[in-house]
Amino acid sequence: MAAGLVVALGAGGVACASDEEEHADFVGAGEVCGGLFAGPLAKMVEKVTEEEIFFWRDAKGMERTVAALKKGYGSGRPWASGGDVCELVPKGGRLGDDGKIGYSIYDPKDVEDERLSDGSEFYTMGVRSSVRRGGANLYFECVSSQLKGSDKTPLRIQGGFGRGESDAPDTREYRNLNMTILHAVSLKLVKELGCENNGGLPKAPVLTPKQPLRQ
């Protein structure tokens, strides 16, 4: 186990010990973070991270992230931090090896600059989307009855997936997998937020690159 990691035992805050959630310290990709990647998505996560066993994480990352986004939106600020829906800490990994999926509120100015660096490239999905060797980013907007005033000023959400330390190749297949994973989790987020029209995201990921402007 990586140094400094502490195993959370039980669900916490329960009435009695018999109601506590029992779990293994390490689980497969389909079970981590409450089954966030259950199904075909689990194999994609294993492929891009080159890991099969991960440190157990509870299922409340989505709940915490939704609450943080709502709080940030209510603040009226142009941007705000959100939270990590899931951390992917591999068994036996070192600090810094872990991957994660997280969301925040982006400033409108963040999508005005058409320049990219570090080998990233734009895709055509959402308000903005981009992929790179180690992950993907996806920007979209949410109008929801849960967010007062969002019919006039939508909640601007930035999602990011980083696969962590991995020797997986930098090919179109793997870049598409990075975006597919982020898209799938983003659809789960917009469902929790009650976003109209899935926050403008298609039901199936659009994996079409577009030519970035030269710097």
C-alpha atoms as a PDB file:
ATOM      1  CA  MET A   1       0.000   0.000   0.000  1.00  0.00           C
ATOM      2  CA  ALA A   2       1.195   3.512  -0.771  1.00  0.00           C
ATOM      3  CA  ALA A   3       2.592   5.413   2.186  1.00  0.00           C
ATOM      4  CA  GLY A   4       0.225   7.726   3.964  1.00  0.00           C
ATOM      5  CA  LEU A   5      -2.947   5.991   2.781  1.00  0.00           C
ATOM      6  CA  VAL A   6      -5.509   5.190   5.439  1.00  0.00           C
ATOM      7  CA  VAL A   7      -8.222   2.597   4.956  1.00  0.00           C
ATOM      8  CA  ALA A   8     -11.701   3.873   5.810  1.00  0.00           C
ATOM      9  CA  LEU A   9     -13.507   1.190   7.757  1.00  0.00           C
ATOM     10  CA  GLY A  10     -17.284   1.061   7.578  1.00  0.00           C
ATOM     11  CA  ALA A  11     -19.779   3.580   6.275  1.00  0.00           C
ATOM     12  CA  GLY A  12     -19.631   5.796   9.348  1.00  0.00           C
ATOM     13  CA  GLY A  13     -22.480   7.606  11.057  1.00  0.00           C
ATOM     14  CA  VAL A  14     -24.679   4.480  11.248  1.00  0.00           C
ATOM     15  CA  ALA A  15     -26.984   3.456  14.031  1.00  0.00           C
ATOM     16  CA  CYS A  16     -25.308   0.157  14.849  1.00  0.00           C
ATOM     17  CA  ALA A  17     -22.383  -1.995  13.812  1.00  0.00           C
ATOM     18  CA  SER A  18     -24.626  -4.487  11.961  1.00  0.00           C
ATOM     19  CA  ASP A  19     -25.583  -1.718   9.521  1.00  0.00           C
ATOM     20  CA  GLU A  20     -22.011  -0.744   8.705  1.00  0.00           C
ATOM     21  CA  GLU A  21     -20.827  -1.252   5.150  1.00  0.00           C
ATOM     22  CA  GLU A  22     -18.233  -4.001   4.893  1.00  0.00           C
ATOM     23  CA  HIS A  23     -15.651  -3.954   2.154  1.00  0.00           C
ATOM     24  CA  ALA A  24     -12.238  -5.217   1.160  1.00  0.00           C
ATOM     25  CA  ASP A  25      -9.259  -2.896   1.388  1.00  0.00           C
ATOM     26  CA  PHE A  26      -8.652  -3.360  -2.346  1.00  0.00           C
ATOM     27  CA  VAL A  27     -11.171  -3.918  -5.121  1.00  0.00           C
ATOM     28  CA  GLY A  28     -11.375  -4.209  -8.887  1.00  0.00           C
ATOM     29  CA  ALA A  29     -12.087  -1.321 -11.232  1.00  0.00           C
ATOM     30  CA  GLY A  30     -15.757  -2.301 -11.402  1.00  0.00           C
ATOM     31  CA  GLU A  31     -16.186  -1.938  -7.644  1.00  0.00           C
ATOM     32  CA  VAL A  32     -14.137   1.132  -6.773  1.00  0.00           C
ATOM     33  CA  CYS A  33     -16.084   4.275  -5.813  1.00  0.00           C
ATOM     34  CA  GLY A  34     -19.339   2.412  -5.385  1.00  0.00           C
ATOM     35  CA  GLY A  35     -19.262   0.730  -8.784  1.00  0.00           C
ATOM     36  CA  LEU A  36     -18.843   3.992 -10.705  1.00  0.00           C
ATOM     37  CA  PHE A  37     -17.108   2.093 -13.513  1.00  0.00           C
ATOM     38  CA  ALA A  38     -19.185  -1.093 -13.367  1.00  0.00           C
ATOM     39  CA  GLY A  39     -19.684  -2.912 -16.660  1.00  0.00           C
ATOM     40  CA  PRO A  40     -17.626  -2.376 -19.836  1.00  0.00           C
ATOM     41  CA  LEU A  41     -16.196   0.850 -18.389  1.00  0.00           C
ATOM     42  CA  ALA A  42     -14.167  -1.151 -15.865  1.00  0.00           C
ATOM     43  CA  LYS A  43     -12.119  -2.802 -18.621  1.00  0.00           C
ATOM     44  CA  MET A  44     -11.442   0.616 -20.145  1.00  0.00           C
ATOM     45  CA  VAL A  45     -10.161   1.910 -16.810  1.00  0.00           C
ATOM     46  CA  GLU A  46      -7.928  -1.129 -16.408  1.00  0.00           C
ATOM     47  CA  LYS A  47      -6.569  -0.675 -19.918  1.00  0.00           C
ATOM     48  CA  VAL A  48      -5.603   2.997 -19.678  1.00  0.00           C
ATOM     49  CA  THR A  49      -4.264   2.774 -16.108  1.00  0.00           C
ATOM     50  CA  GLU A  50      -2.617  -0.623 -16.659  1.00  0.00           C
ATOM     51  CA  GLU A  51      -3.930  -1.603 -13.223  1.00  0.00           C
ATOM     52  CA  GLU A  52      -6.570  -4.093 -12.087  1.00  0.00           C
ATOM     53  CA  ILE A  53      -6.687  -3.643  -8.299  1.00  0.00           C
ATOM     54  CA  PHE A  54      -7.325  -0.325  -6.569  1.00  0.00           C
ATOM     55  CA  PHE A  55      -7.502   1.025  -3.050  1.00  0.00           C
ATOM     56  CA  TRP A  56     -11.111   0.982  -1.885  1.00  0.00           C
ATOM     57  CA  ARG A  57     -13.007   4.262  -2.141  1.00  0.00           C
ATOM     58  CA  ASP A  58     -16.534   4.894  -0.865  1.00  0.00           C
ATOM     59  CA  ALA A  59     -19.496   5.697  -3.090  1.00  0.00           C
ATOM     60  CA  LYS A  60     -19.969   9.228  -1.791  1.00  0.00           C
ATOM     61  CA  GLY A  61     -17.593  11.029  -4.121  1.00  0.00           C
ATOM     62  CA  MET A  62     -20.433  11.834  -6.506  1.00  0.00           C
ATOM     63  CA  GLU A  63     -22.616  13.100  -3.669  1.00  0.00           C
ATOM     64  CA  ARG A  64     -19.852  15.333  -2.330  1.00  0.00           C
ATOM     65  CA  THR A  65     -19.061  16.690  -5.784  1.00  0.00           C
ATOM     66  CA  VAL A  66     -22.693  17.510  -6.551  1.00  0.00           C
ATOM     67  CA  ALA A  67     -22.998  19.342  -3.230  1.00  0.00           C
ATOM     68  CA  ALA A  68     -19.802  21.302  -3.903  1.00  0.00           C
ATOM     69  CA  LEU A  69     -20.945  22.319  -7.390  1.00  0.00           C
ATOM     70  CA  LYS A  70     -24.297  23.502  -6.048  1.00  0.00           C
ATOM     71  CA  LYS A  71     -22.582  25.486  -3.326  1.00  0.00           C
ATOM     72  CA  GLY A  72     -20.162  27.001  -5.804  1.00  0.00           C
ATOM     73  CA  TYR A  73     -22.979  27.946  -8.157  1.00  0.00           C
ATOM     74  CA  GLY A  74     -24.913  29.543  -5.313  1.00  0.00           C
ATOM     75  CA  SER A  75     -21.922  31.724  -4.473  1.00  0.00           C
ATOM     76  CA  GLY A  76     -22.378  33.624  -7.717  1.00  0.00           C
ATOM     77  CA  ARG A  77     -18.647  33.572  -8.448  1.00  0.00           C
ATOM     78  CA  PRO A  78     -17.515  33.006 -12.040  1.00  0.00           C
ATOM     79  CA  TRP A  79     -15.542  29.930 -10.996  1.00  0.00           C
ATOM     80  CA  ALA A  80     -15.416  27.607  -7.999  1.00  0.00           C
ATOM     81  CA  SER A  81     -13.787  24.382  -6.919  1.00  0.00           C
ATOM     82  CA  GLY A  82     -15.832  21.213  -6.931  1.00  0.00           C
ATOM     83  CA  GLY A  83     -14.621  17.774  -5.948  1.00  0.00           C
ATOM     84  CA  ASP A  84     -13.230  14.417  -7.014  1.00  0.00           C
ATOM     85  CA  VAL A  85     -15.891  11.883  -7.912  1.00  0.00           C
ATOM     86  CA  CYS A  86     -13.353   9.083  -7.725  1.00  0.00           C
ATOM     87  CA  GLU A  87      -9.672   8.539  -6.966  1.00  0.00           C
ATOM     88  CA  LEU A  88      -7.964   5.570  -8.595  1.00  0.00           C
ATOM     89  CA  VAL A  89      -5.127   4.561  -6.306  1.00  0.00           C
ATOM     90  CA  PRO A  90      -3.519   1.323  -7.517  1.00  0.00           C
ATOM     91  CA  LYS A  91      -2.513  -1.385  -5.096  1.00  0.00           C
ATOM     92  CA  GLY A  92       1.189  -1.106  -4.426  1.00  0.00           C
ATOM     93  CA  GLY A  93       1.334   2.255  -6.162  1.00  0.00           C
ATOM     94  CA  ARG A  94       3.510   5.117  -5.055  1.00  0.00           C
ATOM     95  CA  LEU A  95       2.290   8.557  -4.117  1.00  0.00           C
ATOM     96  CA  GLY A  96       1.455  10.388  -7.307  1.00  0.00           C
ATOM     97  CA  ASP A  97       0.620   7.193  -9.208  1.00  0.00           C
ATOM     98  CA  ASP A  98      -3.103   7.620  -8.688  1.00  0.00           C
ATOM     99  CA  GLY A  99      -5.629   8.734 -11.270  1.00  0.00           C
ATOM    100  CA  LYS A 100      -8.861  10.609 -10.661  1.00  0.00           C
ATOM    101  CA  ILE A 101     -12.010  12.097 -12.103  1.00  0.00           C
ATOM    102  CA  GLY A 102     -13.081  15.482 -10.773  1.00  0.00           C
ATOM    103  CA  TYR A 103     -15.328  18.432 -11.565  1.00  0.00           C
ATOM    104  CA  SER A 104     -15.293  22.173 -10.935  1.00  0.00           C
ATOM    105  CA  ILE A 105     -17.001  25.355 -12.136  1.00  0.00           C
ATOM    106  CA  TYR A 106     -15.113  27.077 -14.920  1.00  0.00           C
ATOM    107  CA  ASP A 107     -14.844  30.759 -15.722  1.00  0.00           C
ATOM    108  CA  PRO A 108     -16.236  31.685 -19.175  1.00  0.00           C
ATOM    109  CA  LYS A 109     -12.792  33.042 -20.067  1.00  0.00           C
ATOM    110  CA  ASP A 110     -11.382  29.536 -19.726  1.00  0.00           C
ATOM    111  CA  VAL A 111     -12.939  28.456 -23.030  1.00  0.00           C
ATOM    112  CA  GLU A 112     -11.958  31.530 -25.011  1.00  0.00           C
ATOM    113  CA  ASP A 113      -8.324  30.593 -25.563  1.00  0.00           C
ATOM    114  CA  GLU A 114      -8.011  28.218 -28.517  1.00  0.00           C
ATOM    115  CA  ARG A 115      -4.372  27.331 -27.843  1.00  0.00           C
ATOM    116  CA  LEU A 116      -3.277  23.983 -26.507  1.00  0.00           C
ATOM    117  CA  SER A 117      -0.023  22.649 -25.117  1.00  0.00           C
ATOM    118  CA  ASP A 118       1.497  19.412 -23.758  1.00  0.00           C
ATOM    119  CA  GLY A 119       0.392  17.378 -26.774  1.00  0.00           C
ATOM    120  CA  SER A 120      -3.325  17.927 -26.182  1.00  0.00           C
ATOM    121  CA  GLU A 121      -5.856  18.239 -28.977  1.00  0.00           C
ATOM    122  CA  PHE A 122      -9.446  19.410 -29.140  1.00  0.00           C
ATOM    123  CA  TYR A 123     -12.413  17.149 -29.757  1.00  0.00           C
ATOM    124  CA  THR A 124     -15.792  18.455 -30.890  1.00  0.00           C
ATOM    125  CA  MET A 125     -18.002  17.319 -27.985  1.00  0.00           C
ATOM    126  CA  GLY A 126     -19.564  19.686 -25.442  1.00  0.00           C
ATOM    127  CA  VAL A 127     -18.781  23.370 -25.019  1.00  0.00           C
ATOM    128  CA  ARG A 128     -15.167  22.266 -25.232  1.00  0.00           C
ATOM    129  CA  SER A 129     -13.339  18.973 -24.983  1.00  0.00           C
ATOM    130  CA  SER A 130      -9.728  17.930 -25.263  1.00  0.00           C
ATOM    131  CA  VAL A 131      -7.636  14.801 -24.915  1.00  0.00           C
ATOM    132  CA  ARG A 132      -4.000  14.068 -24.210  1.00  0.00           C
ATOM    133  CA  ARG A 133      -1.816  11.076 -23.478  1.00  0.00           C
ATOM    134  CA  GLY A 134      -2.677  11.034 -19.781  1.00  0.00           C
ATOM    135  CA  GLY A 135      -6.335  12.025 -19.717  1.00  0.00           C
ATOM    136  CA  ALA A 136      -9.148  14.217 -20.993  1.00  0.00           C
ATOM    137  CA  ASN A 137     -11.142  17.364 -20.213  1.00  0.00           C
ATOM    138  CA  LEU A 138     -14.782  18.122 -20.928  1.00  0.00           C
ATOM    139  CA  TYR A 139     -16.667  21.417 -20.519  1.00  0.00           C
ATOM    140  CA  PHE A 140     -20.454  21.599 -20.543  1.00  0.00           C
ATOM    141  CA  GLU A 141     -23.376  23.595 -19.114  1.00  0.00           C
ATOM    142  CA  CYS A 142     -26.227  22.557 -16.854  1.00  0.00           C
ATOM    143  CA  VAL A 143     -29.725  24.002 -16.591  1.00  0.00           C
ATOM    144  CA  SER A 144     -31.629  22.340 -13.759  1.00  0.00           C
ATOM    145  CA  SER A 145     -34.598  22.927 -11.473  1.00  0.00           C
ATOM    146  CA  GLN A 146     -32.153  22.141  -8.651  1.00  0.00           C
ATOM    147  CA  LEU A 147     -30.207  25.306  -9.512  1.00  0.00           C
ATOM    148  CA  LYS A 148     -32.220  28.495  -9.126  1.00  0.00           C
ATOM    149  CA  GLY A 149     -31.503  30.899 -11.948  1.00  0.00           C
ATOM    150  CA  SER A 150     -29.721  28.355 -14.157  1.00  0.00           C
ATOM    151  CA  ASP A 151     -32.299  28.885 -16.913  1.00  0.00           C
ATOM    152  CA  LYS A 152     -30.695  32.303 -17.354  1.00  0.00           C
ATOM    153  CA  THR A 153     -27.154  31.528 -16.178  1.00  0.00           C
ATOM    154  CA  PRO A 154     -26.298  27.833 -16.552  1.00  0.00           C
ATOM    155  CA  LEU A 155     -23.906  26.057 -14.244  1.00  0.00           C
ATOM    156  CA  ARG A 156     -20.630  25.798 -16.156  1.00  0.00           C
ATOM    157  CA  ILE A 157     -18.960  22.458 -15.417  1.00  0.00           C
ATOM    158  CA  GLN A 158     -15.434  21.385 -16.210  1.00  0.00           C
ATOM    159  CA  GLY A 159     -14.683  17.678 -15.919  1.00  0.00           C
ATOM    160  CA  GLY A 160     -11.226  16.187 -15.898  1.00  0.00           C
ATOM    161  CA  PHE A 161      -9.900  12.631 -16.041  1.00  0.00           C
ATOM    162  CA  GLY A 162      -6.265  11.822 -15.342  1.00  0.00           C
ATOM    163  CA  ARG A 163      -5.272   8.178 -15.648  1.00  0.00           C
ATOM    164  CA  GLY A 164      -2.258   8.500 -13.345  1.00  0.00           C
ATOM    165  CA  GLU A 165       1.138   6.902 -13.860  1.00  0.00           C
ATOM    166  CA  SER A 166       0.809   4.538 -16.806  1.00  0.00           C
ATOM    167  CA  ASP A 167       2.973   3.293 -19.659  1.00  0.00           C
ATOM    168  CA  ALA A 168      -0.058   2.845 -21.908  1.00  0.00           C
ATOM    169  CA  PRO A 169       0.691   4.117 -25.433  1.00  0.00           C
ATOM    170  CA  ASP A 170      -0.316   7.493 -26.773  1.00  0.00           C
ATOM    171  CA  THR A 171      -2.559   6.371 -29.634  1.00  0.00           C
ATOM    172  CA  ARG A 172      -5.970   7.403 -30.938  1.00  0.00           C
ATOM    173  CA  GLU A 173      -7.477   4.323 -29.312  1.00  0.00           C
ATOM    174  CA  TYR A 174      -6.190   5.261 -25.881  1.00  0.00           C
ATOM    175  CA  ARG A 175      -7.068   8.939 -26.233  1.00  0.00           C
ATOM    176  CA  ASN A 176     -10.592   7.888 -27.168  1.00  0.00           C
ATOM    177  CA  LEU A 177     -10.737   5.648 -24.108  1.00  0.00           C
ATOM    178  CA  ASN A 178      -9.734   8.578 -21.893  1.00  0.00           C
ATOM    179  CA  MET A 179     -12.608  10.645 -23.275  1.00  0.00           C
ATOM    180  CA  THR A 180     -15.081   7.762 -23.204  1.00  0.00           C
ATOM    181  CA  ILE A 181     -14.451   7.214 -19.489  1.00  0.00           C
ATOM    182  CA  LEU A 182     -14.860  10.904 -18.695  1.00  0.00           C
ATOM    183  CA  HIS A 183     -18.002  11.184 -20.825  1.00  0.00           C
ATOM    184  CA  ALA A 184     -19.638   8.190 -19.128  1.00  0.00           C
ATOM    185  CA  VAL A 185     -19.028   9.557 -15.630  1.00  0.00           C
ATOM    186  CA  SER A 186     -20.171  13.016 -16.737  1.00  0.00           C
ATOM    187  CA  LEU A 187     -23.511  11.545 -17.829  1.00  0.00           C
ATOM    188  CA  LYS A 188     -23.907  10.150 -14.308  1.00  0.00           C
ATOM    189  CA  LEU A 189     -23.110  13.573 -12.858  1.00  0.00           C
ATOM    190  CA  VAL A 190     -25.674  15.425 -14.995  1.00  0.00           C
ATOM    191  CA  LYS A 191     -28.274  12.856 -13.981  1.00  0.00           C
ATOM    192  CA  GLU A 192     -27.613  13.578 -10.297  1.00  0.00           C
ATOM    193  CA  LEU A 193     -27.827  17.314 -10.964  1.00  0.00           C
ATOM    194  CA  GLY A 194     -31.005  16.928 -13.006  1.00  0.00           C
ATOM    195  CA  CYS A 195     -29.480  18.787 -15.975  1.00  0.00           C
ATOM    196  CA  GLU A 196     -31.813  19.310 -18.908  1.00  0.00           C
ATOM    197  CA  ASN A 197     -30.822  17.544 -22.113  1.00  0.00           C
ATOM    198  CA  ASN A 198     -27.951  15.808 -20.309  1.00  0.00           C
ATOM    199  CA  GLY A 199     -26.119  19.104 -20.049  1.00  0.00           C
ATOM    200  CA  GLY A 200     -25.826  19.143 -23.832  1.00  0.00           C
ATOM    201  CA  LEU A 201     -23.832  15.905 -23.833  1.00  0.00           C
ATOM    202  CA  PRO A 202     -24.714  13.155 -26.307  1.00  0.00           C
ATOM    203  CA  LYS A 203     -25.735   9.726 -25.041  1.00  0.00           C
ATOM    204  CA  ALA A 204     -22.758   8.219 -26.845  1.00  0.00           C
ATOM    205  CA  PRO A 205     -19.389   9.990 -26.813  1.00  0.00           C
ATOM    206  CA  VAL A 206     -18.431  11.980 -29.901  1.00  0.00           C
ATOM    207  CA  LEU A 207     -14.780  11.159 -30.471  1.00  0.00           C
ATOM    208  CA  THR A 208     -14.059  13.502 -33.358  1.00  0.00           C
ATOM    209  CA  PRO A 209     -10.812  15.475 -33.258  1.00  0.00           C
ATOM    210  CA  LYS A 210     -10.716  18.982 -34.642  1.00  0.00           C
ATOM    211  CA  GLN A 211      -7.631  20.756 -35.837  1.00  0.00           C
ATOM    212  CA  PRO A 212      -6.202  23.010 -33.087  1.00  0.00           C
ATOM    213  CA  LEU A 213      -4.833  26.436 -33.961  1.00  0.00           C
ATOM    214  CA  ARG A 214      -1.061  26.586 -34.220  1.00  0.00           C
ATOM    215  CA  GLN A 215       0.652  28.461 -31.393  1.00  0.00           C
END
